[in-house]
Amino acid sequence: MLIYKIFRADEWSTLQADGETVGAPIDVADGYIHFSTTQTVAETAAKYFADAEGLMLLAVETEGLEQLKWEPAREDVLFPHLYRKLRMDDVVWSKPLPLQDGVHQFPDLT
């Protein structure tokens, strides 16, 4: 199963340059890296990245991903949280998440 991480350009650059990251400032503050599912990623973009341009959408495979926990978050929906650094080799693919008329345009996630 794929899960998704939205990064700002500088966060994506850090991961590419360093090969690993502790995540965005909210991830550092919470002590884990926040991910979304296919069902929740658009809401995450709208809630936390409204009007943000230059975003990247990263897909990560959950199978074999150690230190991943599913925990309740918004409205008690289970969200994947990674309790270790995200490594570049965890990323299955990355795609731009352009903003058009105030709405982020997602690639096909199926």
C-alpha atoms as a PDB file:
ATOM      1  CA  MET A   1       0.000   0.000   0.000  1.00  0.00           C
ATOM      2  CA  LEU A   2       1.280   3.454  -0.846  1.00  0.00           C
ATOM      3  CA  ILE A   3       1.157   6.327   1.635  1.00  0.00           C
ATOM      4  CA  TYR A   4       1.900   9.949   0.799  1.00  0.00           C
ATOM      5  CA  LYS A   5       4.005  12.791   2.129  1.00  0.00           C
ATOM      6  CA  ILE A   6       3.691  16.386   0.964  1.00  0.00           C
ATOM      7  CA  PHE A   7       6.914  18.378   1.098  1.00  0.00           C
ATOM      8  CA  ARG A   8       7.690  21.993   0.368  1.00  0.00           C
ATOM      9  CA  ALA A   9      10.505  22.547  -2.145  1.00  0.00           C
ATOM     10  CA  ASP A  10      13.178  23.124   0.516  1.00  0.00           C
ATOM     11  CA  GLU A  11      12.151  19.995   2.452  1.00  0.00           C
ATOM     12  CA  TRP A  12      12.285  17.925  -0.738  1.00  0.00           C
ATOM     13  CA  SER A  13      15.712  19.401  -1.591  1.00  0.00           C
ATOM     14  CA  THR A  14      17.023  18.467   1.850  1.00  0.00           C
ATOM     15  CA  LEU A  15      15.879  14.862   1.449  1.00  0.00           C
ATOM     16  CA  GLN A  16      17.466  14.640  -1.989  1.00  0.00           C
ATOM     17  CA  ALA A  17      20.745  16.205  -0.860  1.00  0.00           C
ATOM     18  CA  ASP A  18      21.121  14.397   2.472  1.00  0.00           C
ATOM     19  CA  GLY A  19      19.469  11.086   1.554  1.00  0.00           C
ATOM     20  CA  GLU A  20      17.328  11.265   4.697  1.00  0.00           C
ATOM     21  CA  THR A  21      15.261  13.740   6.684  1.00  0.00           C
ATOM     22  CA  VAL A  22      13.514  14.169  10.013  1.00  0.00           C
ATOM     23  CA  GLY A  23      10.713  15.805   8.023  1.00  0.00           C
ATOM     24  CA  ALA A  24       8.972  19.138   8.088  1.00  0.00           C
ATOM     25  CA  PRO A  25       8.870  21.350  11.199  1.00  0.00           C
ATOM     26  CA  ILE A  26       5.553  19.794  12.310  1.00  0.00           C
ATOM     27  CA  ASP A  27       7.138  16.331  12.060  1.00  0.00           C
ATOM     28  CA  VAL A  28      10.074  17.407  14.209  1.00  0.00           C
ATOM     29  CA  ALA A  29       7.731  18.978  16.771  1.00  0.00           C
ATOM     30  CA  ASP A  30       5.524  15.859  16.969  1.00  0.00           C
ATOM     31  CA  GLY A  31       8.395  13.345  16.979  1.00  0.00           C
ATOM     32  CA  TYR A  32       7.335  11.419  13.894  1.00  0.00           C
ATOM     33  CA  ILE A  33       6.823  11.938  10.173  1.00  0.00           C
ATOM     34  CA  HIS A  34       3.199  12.499   9.180  1.00  0.00           C
ATOM     35  CA  PHE A  35       1.834  10.652   6.150  1.00  0.00           C
ATOM     36  CA  SER A  36      -1.565  10.534   4.490  1.00  0.00           C
ATOM     37  CA  THR A  37      -3.456   7.837   2.644  1.00  0.00           C
ATOM     38  CA  THR A  38      -5.105   7.973  -0.752  1.00  0.00           C
ATOM     39  CA  GLN A  39      -8.342   8.887   1.035  1.00  0.00           C
ATOM     40  CA  THR A  40      -6.880  11.672   3.200  1.00  0.00           C
ATOM     41  CA  VAL A  41      -4.070  13.317   1.205  1.00  0.00           C
ATOM     42  CA  ALA A  42      -6.243  15.879  -0.616  1.00  0.00           C
ATOM     43  CA  GLU A  43      -7.750  17.022   2.681  1.00  0.00           C
ATOM     44  CA  THR A  44      -4.241  17.249   4.154  1.00  0.00           C
ATOM     45  CA  ALA A  45      -3.157  19.450   1.240  1.00  0.00           C
ATOM     46  CA  ALA A  46      -6.176  21.709   1.642  1.00  0.00           C
ATOM     47  CA  LYS A  47      -5.856  21.972   5.421  1.00  0.00           C
ATOM     48  CA  TYR A  48      -2.101  22.372   5.863  1.00  0.00           C
ATOM     49  CA  PHE A  49      -0.852  23.578   2.478  1.00  0.00           C
ATOM     50  CA  ALA A  50      -3.615  25.907   1.264  1.00  0.00           C
ATOM     51  CA  ASP A  51      -2.263  28.240  -1.428  1.00  0.00           C
ATOM     52  CA  ALA A  52       1.245  26.758  -1.132  1.00  0.00           C
ATOM     53  CA  GLU A  53       3.080  26.442  -4.422  1.00  0.00           C
ATOM     54  CA  GLY A  54       6.109  24.352  -5.336  1.00  0.00           C
ATOM     55  CA  LEU A  55       4.980  21.271  -3.423  1.00  0.00           C
ATOM     56  CA  MET A  56       6.109  17.719  -4.081  1.00  0.00           C
ATOM     57  CA  LEU A  57       4.038  14.616  -3.440  1.00  0.00           C
ATOM     58  CA  LEU A  58       6.056  11.587  -2.369  1.00  0.00           C
ATOM     59  CA  ALA A  59       4.759   8.030  -2.389  1.00  0.00           C
ATOM     60  CA  VAL A  60       6.157   5.482   0.068  1.00  0.00           C
ATOM     61  CA  GLU A  61       5.375   1.758   0.197  1.00  0.00           C
ATOM     62  CA  THR A  62       4.183   0.586   3.626  1.00  0.00           C
ATOM     63  CA  GLU A  63       5.179  -3.045   3.146  1.00  0.00           C
ATOM     64  CA  GLY A  64       8.375  -3.662   5.074  1.00  0.00           C
ATOM     65  CA  LEU A  65       8.510  -0.070   6.365  1.00  0.00           C
ATOM     66  CA  GLU A  66       9.833  -0.489   9.882  1.00  0.00           C
ATOM     67  CA  GLN A  67       8.737   1.866  12.665  1.00  0.00           C
ATOM     68  CA  LEU A  68       5.471   2.792  10.920  1.00  0.00           C
ATOM     69  CA  LYS A  69       2.461   3.081  13.222  1.00  0.00           C
ATOM     70  CA  TRP A  70      -1.180   3.724  12.344  1.00  0.00           C
ATOM     71  CA  GLU A  71      -2.603   6.131  14.889  1.00  0.00           C
ATOM     72  CA  PRO A  72      -5.858   8.092  15.221  1.00  0.00           C
ATOM     73  CA  ALA A  73      -5.721  11.739  14.176  1.00  0.00           C
ATOM     74  CA  ARG A  74      -8.369  13.926  12.530  1.00  0.00           C
ATOM     75  CA  GLU A  75     -11.833  12.674  13.499  1.00  0.00           C
ATOM     76  CA  ASP A  76     -10.233   9.463  14.836  1.00  0.00           C
ATOM     77  CA  VAL A  77      -9.205   8.378  11.338  1.00  0.00           C
ATOM     78  CA  LEU A  78      -6.042   6.255  11.389  1.00  0.00           C
ATOM     79  CA  PHE A  79      -3.026   7.977   9.844  1.00  0.00           C
ATOM     80  CA  PRO A  80       0.417   6.481   9.185  1.00  0.00           C
ATOM     81  CA  HIS A  81       3.214   7.935  11.305  1.00  0.00           C
ATOM     82  CA  LEU A  82       6.866   7.047  10.743  1.00  0.00           C
ATOM     83  CA  TYR A  83       8.987   6.965  13.887  1.00  0.00           C
ATOM     84  CA  ARG A  84      12.363   7.242  12.183  1.00  0.00           C
ATOM     85  CA  LYS A  85      13.991   9.383   9.532  1.00  0.00           C
ATOM     86  CA  LEU A  86      12.531   9.185   6.044  1.00  0.00           C
ATOM     87  CA  ARG A  87      15.169   7.916   3.650  1.00  0.00           C
ATOM     88  CA  MET A  88      15.402   8.675  -0.027  1.00  0.00           C
ATOM     89  CA  ASP A  89      15.339   4.949  -0.753  1.00  0.00           C
ATOM     90  CA  ASP A  90      11.905   4.758   0.951  1.00  0.00           C
ATOM     91  CA  VAL A  91      10.450   6.962  -1.802  1.00  0.00           C
ATOM     92  CA  VAL A  92       8.766   4.959  -4.585  1.00  0.00           C
ATOM     93  CA  TRP A  93       8.021   8.062  -6.660  1.00  0.00           C
ATOM     94  CA  SER A  94       7.785  11.823  -6.390  1.00  0.00           C
ATOM     95  CA  LYS A  95       5.638  14.157  -8.457  1.00  0.00           C
ATOM     96  CA  PRO A  96       4.939  17.878  -8.446  1.00  0.00           C
ATOM     97  CA  LEU A  97       1.723  18.970  -6.768  1.00  0.00           C
ATOM     98  CA  PRO A  98       0.784  22.071  -8.767  1.00  0.00           C
ATOM     99  CA  LEU A  99      -1.714  24.637  -7.567  1.00  0.00           C
ATOM    100  CA  GLN A 100      -4.426  25.603 -10.046  1.00  0.00           C
ATOM    101  CA  ASP A 101      -7.194  28.046  -9.158  1.00  0.00           C
ATOM    102  CA  GLY A 102      -6.441  27.535  -5.468  1.00  0.00           C
ATOM    103  CA  VAL A 103      -6.681  23.723  -5.603  1.00  0.00           C
ATOM    104  CA  HIS A 104      -3.765  21.290  -5.669  1.00  0.00           C
ATOM    105  CA  GLN A 105      -3.841  19.022  -8.712  1.00  0.00           C
ATOM    106  CA  PHE A 106      -3.091  15.447  -7.716  1.00  0.00           C
ATOM    107  CA  PRO A 107      -1.726  12.778 -10.027  1.00  0.00           C
ATOM    108  CA  ASP A 108      -3.579   9.485 -10.314  1.00  0.00           C
ATOM    109  CA  LEU A 109      -3.061   7.711  -6.987  1.00  0.00           C
ATOM    110  CA  THR A 110      -4.585   4.371  -8.012  1.00  0.00           C
END
